Amino acid sequence: MKNNRVVNDLKLRATYGSTGNQDGIGNYPAYSLLGTQNYVFGNTVSTGLGPNQIANPDLSWETTTQADMGVDVGFLNNRITLTADVYLKRTKDLLLNVTLPSTSGYSSAIKNLGKVENKGIELSISSRNIDGAFKWTTDVNFALNRNKVLDIGGAPQIFAGSVANIGQNLSSGIIRVGEPLGSFFGYVTNGLYQTTDELAALSDPQAKKPGDRKYLDLNGDKKIDDNDRTIIGRAQPKFIGGLSNTFSYKGIELTAFFQGVYGNNILNANRYELEYLNATTNQDRDVLNRWTPPTLIPTCLGHPQHAQQTAYQPGKLRMVRTYV
């Protein structure tokens, strides 16, 4: 390819290896530790030392094994360059905080369990569009990754995450075999209950009156309970990408850079807190547009035979009827 005028650079790459990781678990998680605790002797409260962490001598690092194949190509005297990679990465012996039986005297412990897989492609293209006194270069990158939980110590799923810091013990996520990490778990909403007849059609312990949120009965047993919770979103994007253009002329340079993700969901915990009407914090003013029960309002009080009736539902005018 020495005299090839189109392709002037070509490199094939292949790598394979394993690395360890122990980030995010703090210091000395494998050892039994002591901590300060309060004790009552008679009518006196004293501070002493007691066990506050159970030992796990079998604890080890997480291990990630990855295989990668790639190619680098240069065209037209490197006016256009392309880099492409395909990879498969598996991480085993995940370091997770697991719940212990209360009879042990401890609530949780760090343990190695589970396996996660990541596989995907990465692509980048660079070009020198104009290469004179005025220069213009473009860079494009694209990547997609498919994440999947392969094993979590024999268990089918683990509940994880919390919705918001408002005093409720609610799990917002789930780690489930066969699904990606970052899966959101909850009920599927279906509007609001408008009448008492709709309330009577389903057994929903959370719904007390019209205006309460309605959820789908996914298993068809005519009641709303934990069996109707499902995966309602995923934080893992389908792909990510970026585009940058750089313009330069006589020492002056301008760069325009764009990047984005597609296909992922975001949990808006800020909205959850600001629209939670039982909270004692400030509320978003959008709650003023909340659902209100149907209301009949006479507008011609001086003429009872002329009455305009107006019915409202969630914060907006629904129907106007005038009788003459």
Protein backbone atom coordinates (compact mmCIF):
# COMPACT_ATOMS: atom_id res chain seq x y z
CA MET A 1 0.00 0.00 0.00
CA LYS A 2 3.05 2.26 -0.21
CA ASN A 3 1.81 4.09 -3.30
CA ASN A 4 -1.87 4.10 -2.33
CA ARG A 5 -3.14 7.69 -2.65
CA VAL A 6 -6.36 7.08 -0.73
CA VAL A 7 -5.30 5.13 2.37
CA ASN A 8 -2.03 6.37 3.86
CA ASP A 9 -2.31 4.97 7.40
CA LEU A 10 -3.79 1.69 8.62
CA LYS A 11 -3.39 0.10 12.02
CA LEU A 12 -5.19 -2.91 13.49
CA ARG A 13 -5.30 -3.28 17.28
CA ALA A 14 -6.32 -6.03 19.71
CA THR A 15 -6.03 -5.98 23.50
CA TYR A 16 -7.00 -8.25 26.37
CA GLY A 17 -6.43 -7.89 30.08
CA SER A 18 -7.75 -7.80 33.64
CA THR A 19 -7.73 -5.00 36.19
CA GLY A 20 -8.78 -4.71 39.83
CA ASN A 21 -10.89 -2.09 41.54
CA GLN A 22 -11.75 -1.34 45.17
CA ASP A 23 -13.08 2.23 44.97
CA GLY A 24 -16.09 3.38 46.93
CA ILE A 25 -16.05 0.95 49.86
CA GLY A 26 -14.01 2.96 52.36
CA ASN A 27 -11.11 1.72 54.50
CA TYR A 28 -10.76 -1.66 56.23
CA PRO A 29 -14.07 -3.22 55.07
CA ALA A 30 -12.67 -6.74 55.57
CA TYR A 31 -11.98 -6.27 59.28
CA SER A 32 -14.06 -6.21 62.43
CA LEU A 33 -14.01 -2.64 63.76
CA LEU A 34 -14.97 -0.87 66.97
CA GLY A 35 -16.96 2.33 67.22
CA THR A 36 -18.25 4.65 69.93
CA GLN A 37 -21.59 3.68 71.47
CA ASN A 38 -23.68 4.91 74.38
CA TYR A 39 -24.37 2.68 77.39
CA VAL A 40 -26.68 3.21 80.34
CA PHE A 41 -25.39 2.37 83.83
CA GLY A 42 -28.06 3.10 86.38
CA ASN A 43 -29.18 6.66 85.66
CA THR A 44 -26.00 7.62 83.82
CA VAL A 45 -25.35 7.51 80.07
CA SER A 46 -21.72 6.67 79.31
CA THR A 47 -19.83 6.48 76.04
CA GLY A 48 -17.77 3.41 75.29
CA LEU A 49 -16.51 1.22 72.47
CA GLY A 50 -18.34 -1.65 70.82
CA PRO A 51 -18.31 -3.68 67.59
CA ASN A 52 -19.82 -1.75 64.67
CA GLN A 53 -18.59 -3.72 61.63
CA ILE A 54 -18.51 -7.45 60.98
CA ALA A 55 -15.38 -8.99 59.50
CA ASN A 56 -15.25 -10.57 56.04
CA PRO A 57 -11.77 -12.11 55.57
CA ASP A 58 -12.73 -13.41 52.09
CA LEU A 59 -13.28 -9.90 50.70
CA SER A 60 -11.30 -9.14 47.54
CA TRP A 61 -11.12 -6.57 44.76
CA GLU A 62 -13.56 -6.46 41.89
CA THR A 63 -12.01 -7.91 38.72
CA THR A 64 -12.74 -6.54 35.26
CA THR A 65 -11.70 -8.53 32.19
CA GLN A 66 -11.90 -6.79 28.83
CA ALA A 67 -11.28 -7.67 25.20
CA ASP A 68 -11.03 -4.93 22.58
CA MET A 69 -10.53 -4.89 18.82
CA GLY A 70 -9.96 -1.67 16.89
CA VAL A 71 -8.78 -0.05 13.70
CA ASP A 72 -7.16 3.33 12.91
CA VAL A 73 -7.33 4.55 9.31
CA GLY A 74 -6.01 7.71 7.65
CA PHE A 75 -7.27 8.89 4.26
CA LEU A 76 -5.98 11.47 1.78
CA ASN A 77 -2.75 12.29 3.57
CA ASN A 78 -4.60 12.17 6.93
CA ARG A 79 -7.10 14.81 5.90
CA ILE A 80 -9.67 12.32 7.22
CA THR A 81 -8.90 9.94 10.10
CA LEU A 82 -11.16 7.25 11.55
CA THR A 83 -10.88 5.25 14.76
CA ALA A 84 -13.29 2.40 15.55
CA ASP A 85 -13.36 0.00 18.51
CA VAL A 86 -15.48 -2.97 19.55
CA TYR A 87 -15.22 -4.18 23.15
CA LEU A 88 -16.57 -6.74 25.59
CA LYS A 89 -16.05 -6.14 29.30
CA ARG A 90 -17.14 -8.30 32.23
CA THR A 91 -16.77 -7.42 35.89
CA LYS A 92 -17.07 -10.09 38.57
CA ASP A 93 -16.91 -10.16 42.38
CA LEU A 94 -18.80 -6.86 42.61
CA LEU A 95 -18.39 -5.08 45.95
CA LEU A 96 -21.91 -4.62 47.28
CA ASN A 97 -23.39 -3.73 50.65
CA VAL A 98 -25.74 -6.63 51.52
CA THR A 99 -28.36 -6.81 54.28
CA LEU A 100 -27.67 -9.17 57.19
CA PRO A 101 -30.17 -10.87 59.53
CA SER A 102 -30.85 -8.70 62.58
CA THR A 103 -29.92 -11.67 64.79
CA SER A 104 -26.30 -11.17 63.74
CA GLY A 105 -26.20 -7.84 65.57
CA TYR A 106 -25.30 -6.01 62.34
CA SER A 107 -27.46 -4.46 59.64
CA SER A 108 -25.19 -4.90 56.60
CA ALA A 109 -21.76 -5.91 55.36
CA ILE A 110 -19.58 -5.53 52.25
CA LYS A 111 -19.47 -8.72 50.17
CA ASN A 112 -18.19 -9.89 46.78
CA LEU A 113 -21.06 -11.07 44.63
CA GLY A 114 -22.42 -10.75 41.16
CA LYS A 115 -21.25 -10.18 37.62
CA VAL A 116 -21.96 -7.37 35.14
CA GLU A 117 -21.35 -7.21 31.39
CA ASN A 118 -20.70 -4.20 29.16
CA LYS A 119 -20.30 -4.43 25.41
CA GLY A 120 -20.42 -1.83 22.70
CA ILE A 121 -18.72 0.17 19.98
CA GLU A 122 -16.90 3.51 19.85
CA LEU A 123 -16.36 5.50 16.68
CA SER A 124 -14.59 8.82 16.03
CA ILE A 125 -13.95 10.70 12.78
CA SER A 126 -11.75 13.77 12.33
CA SER A 127 -11.37 15.84 9.18
CA ARG A 128 -9.37 18.87 8.02
CA ASN A 129 -11.98 20.54 5.84
CA ILE A 130 -9.96 23.69 5.00
CA ASP A 131 -6.24 23.81 5.64
CA GLY A 132 -4.85 27.19 4.57
CA ALA A 133 -4.57 30.57 6.24
CA PHE A 134 -8.12 29.91 7.31
CA LYS A 135 -8.49 26.50 8.96
CA TRP A 136 -11.61 24.46 9.67
CA THR A 137 -11.55 21.07 11.37
CA THR A 138 -14.42 18.79 12.37
CA ASP A 139 -14.50 16.00 14.96
CA VAL A 140 -17.38 13.56 15.39
CA ASN A 141 -17.69 10.81 18.01
CA PHE A 142 -20.35 8.17 18.58
CA ALA A 143 -20.60 5.41 21.18
CA LEU A 144 -23.14 2.89 22.34
CA ASN A 145 -22.90 0.56 25.31
CA ARG A 146 -25.16 -2.31 26.32
CA ASN A 147 -25.05 -3.07 30.03
CA LYS A 148 -26.54 -6.21 31.58
CA VAL A 149 -26.50 -7.76 35.06
CA LEU A 150 -25.44 -11.41 34.75
CA ASP A 151 -25.53 -12.48 38.39
CA ILE A 152 -26.14 -11.02 41.86
CA GLY A 153 -25.18 -13.91 44.11
CA GLY A 154 -28.02 -16.20 43.09
CA ALA A 155 -30.77 -13.69 43.96
CA PRO A 156 -33.16 -12.65 41.15
CA GLN A 157 -33.13 -8.96 42.12
CA ILE A 158 -32.04 -6.38 44.69
CA PHE A 159 -33.90 -3.16 45.43
CA ALA A 160 -31.66 -0.10 45.42
CA GLY A 161 -31.72 3.68 45.59
CA SER A 162 -34.08 6.15 47.24
CA VAL A 163 -36.47 8.65 45.67
CA ALA A 164 -35.76 11.77 47.72
CA ASN A 165 -34.83 12.93 51.20
CA ILE A 166 -38.32 13.56 52.55
CA GLY A 167 -38.48 10.93 55.27
CA GLN A 168 -39.99 8.16 53.14
CA ASN A 169 -38.30 4.79 52.77
CA LEU A 170 -38.96 4.31 49.04
CA SER A 171 -36.76 2.38 46.62
CA SER A 172 -36.46 4.07 43.25
CA GLY A 173 -34.36 1.44 41.51
CA ILE A 174 -33.81 -2.26 41.08
CA ILE A 175 -30.83 -4.47 40.19
CA ARG A 176 -32.29 -7.42 38.28
CA VAL A 177 -30.59 -10.24 36.40
CA GLY A 178 -30.91 -9.69 32.66
CA GLU A 179 -31.55 -5.94 33.02
CA PRO A 180 -29.11 -3.00 32.92
CA LEU A 181 -27.88 -1.19 36.00
CA GLY A 182 -29.75 2.04 36.67
CA SER A 183 -33.23 0.60 36.12
CA PHE A 184 -36.05 2.60 37.73
CA PHE A 185 -38.72 0.55 39.47
CA GLY A 186 -42.25 1.63 40.38
CA TYR A 187 -45.92 1.82 39.46
CA VAL A 188 -47.26 2.80 36.04
CA THR A 189 -49.55 5.82 36.38
CA ASN A 190 -52.84 6.13 34.53
CA GLY A 191 -54.12 9.61 35.34
CA LEU A 192 -56.25 10.47 38.37
CA TYR A 193 -59.38 9.01 39.90
CA GLN A 194 -62.25 11.28 38.85
CA THR A 195 -65.19 9.62 40.61
CA THR A 196 -65.94 7.32 43.54
CA ASP A 197 -67.09 4.67 41.05
CA GLU A 198 -63.57 4.49 39.64
CA LEU A 199 -62.23 4.10 43.18
CA ALA A 200 -64.59 1.18 43.83
CA ALA A 201 -63.47 -0.67 40.70
CA LEU A 202 -59.98 -1.34 42.14
CA SER A 203 -58.65 -2.10 45.60
CA ASP A 204 -56.01 0.58 46.03
CA PRO A 205 -54.94 1.24 49.65
CA GLN A 206 -53.18 4.47 48.63
CA ALA A 207 -56.23 6.01 46.94
CA LYS A 208 -58.81 7.48 49.35
CA LYS A 209 -60.80 9.97 47.25
CA PRO A 210 -61.22 11.39 43.74
CA GLY A 211 -58.12 13.29 42.70
CA ASP A 212 -55.73 10.64 44.00
CA ARG A 213 -53.35 9.12 41.49
CA LYS A 214 -54.49 6.05 39.57
CA TYR A 215 -52.11 3.16 38.86
CA LEU A 216 -52.37 0.31 36.37
CA ASP A 217 -53.33 -3.15 37.58
CA LEU A 218 -50.61 -4.97 35.65
CA ASN A 219 -51.37 -8.51 36.86
CA GLY A 220 -55.17 -8.17 36.58
CA ASP A 221 -56.06 -9.14 40.16
CA LYS A 222 -58.24 -6.01 40.71
CA LYS A 223 -55.94 -4.61 43.40
CA ILE A 224 -52.90 -2.36 43.46
CA ASP A 225 -49.97 -3.77 45.45
CA ASP A 226 -46.24 -4.50 45.09
CA ASN A 227 -46.98 -7.08 42.40
CA ASP A 228 -47.96 -4.22 40.07
CA ARG A 229 -44.55 -2.55 40.25
CA THR A 230 -42.34 -2.93 37.22
CA ILE A 231 -39.36 -1.36 35.47
CA ILE A 232 -40.58 2.09 34.34
CA GLY A 233 -37.34 3.54 32.96
CA ARG A 234 -33.64 3.02 32.41
CA ALA A 235 -30.80 5.44 33.07
CA GLN A 236 -28.52 3.79 30.50
CA PRO A 237 -28.67 5.73 27.18
CA LYS A 238 -29.05 3.95 23.86
CA PHE A 239 -26.15 5.96 22.50
CA ILE A 240 -24.09 9.08 23.11
CA GLY A 241 -22.41 11.38 20.62
CA GLY A 242 -20.63 14.65 20.06
CA LEU A 243 -19.74 17.09 17.30
CA SER A 244 -17.16 19.88 17.35
CA ASN A 245 -16.07 22.37 14.71
CA THR A 246 -12.95 24.52 15.12
CA PHE A 247 -12.31 27.61 13.00
CA SER A 248 -9.04 29.55 13.16
CA TYR A 249 -7.57 32.49 11.32
CA LYS A 250 -4.37 34.42 12.13
CA GLY A 251 -4.28 33.47 15.81
CA ILE A 252 -8.04 33.80 16.40
CA GLU A 253 -9.86 30.54 17.10
CA LEU A 254 -13.53 29.65 17.58
CA THR A 255 -14.79 26.23 18.64
CA ALA A 256 -18.42 25.08 18.60
CA PHE A 257 -19.01 21.86 20.55
CA PHE A 258 -22.21 19.86 20.88
CA GLN A 259 -22.80 16.64 22.78
CA GLY A 260 -25.82 14.64 23.78
CA VAL A 261 -27.35 11.35 24.84
CA TYR A 262 -30.42 9.54 23.55
CA GLY A 263 -32.73 6.87 24.91
CA ASN A 264 -32.27 7.23 28.67
CA ASN A 265 -34.62 8.28 31.48
CA ILE A 266 -33.97 10.70 34.35
CA LEU A 267 -35.55 10.61 37.80
CA ASN A 268 -36.57 14.18 38.69
CA ALA A 269 -36.18 14.00 42.48
CA ASN A 270 -36.24 17.81 42.67
CA ARG A 271 -39.78 17.87 41.29
CA TYR A 272 -40.75 15.04 43.63
CA GLU A 273 -39.78 17.13 46.64
CA LEU A 274 -41.24 20.42 45.39
CA GLU A 275 -44.62 18.89 44.54
CA TYR A 276 -44.97 16.68 47.62
CA LEU A 277 -47.81 18.48 49.42
CA ASN A 278 -47.20 16.83 52.80
CA ALA A 279 -43.71 18.32 53.02
CA THR A 280 -42.87 21.31 55.20
CA THR A 281 -40.55 22.87 52.61
CA ASN A 282 -41.35 25.39 49.88
CA GLN A 283 -43.53 24.04 47.08
CA ASP A 284 -43.48 24.63 43.34
CA ARG A 285 -46.26 26.98 42.28
CA ASP A 286 -47.38 24.43 39.68
CA VAL A 287 -49.21 22.71 42.55
CA LEU A 288 -51.74 25.57 42.30
CA ASN A 289 -52.74 23.94 39.01
CA ARG A 290 -53.50 20.65 40.74
CA TRP A 291 -56.68 18.64 40.31
CA THR A 292 -59.85 20.11 41.85
CA PRO A 293 -63.24 18.41 42.13
CA PRO A 294 -66.06 19.32 39.72
CA THR A 295 -67.73 22.55 40.88
CA LEU A 296 -71.02 24.23 39.90
CA ILE A 297 -70.83 28.04 40.01
CA PRO A 298 -73.88 30.27 39.31
CA THR A 299 -72.71 33.47 37.64
CA CYS A 300 -76.01 35.40 37.43
CA LEU A 301 -77.01 35.62 41.08
CA GLY A 302 -79.62 38.33 40.40
CA HIS A 303 -81.44 36.16 37.87
CA PRO A 304 -81.89 32.59 39.14
CA GLN A 305 -83.50 31.62 35.86
CA HIS A 306 -80.21 32.46 34.11
CA ALA A 307 -77.43 30.27 35.45
CA GLN A 308 -74.06 29.40 33.97
CA GLN A 309 -72.52 26.24 35.33
CA THR A 310 -68.81 25.61 35.13
CA ALA A 311 -67.06 22.31 35.96
CA TYR A 312 -63.31 22.16 36.66
CA GLN A 313 -60.83 19.31 36.57
CA PRO A 314 -57.04 19.31 36.97
CA GLY A 315 -56.52 23.05 37.02
CA LYS A 316 -58.20 23.86 33.72
CA LEU A 317 -61.68 24.64 32.39
CA ARG A 318 -63.38 21.46 31.24
CA MET A 319 -66.94 22.34 30.24
CA VAL A 320 -69.24 25.37 30.19
CA ARG A 321 -73.03 25.05 29.90
CA THR A 322 -75.44 27.98 29.86
CA TYR A 323 -79.18 27.72 30.49
CA VAL A 324 -81.56 30.59 29.54
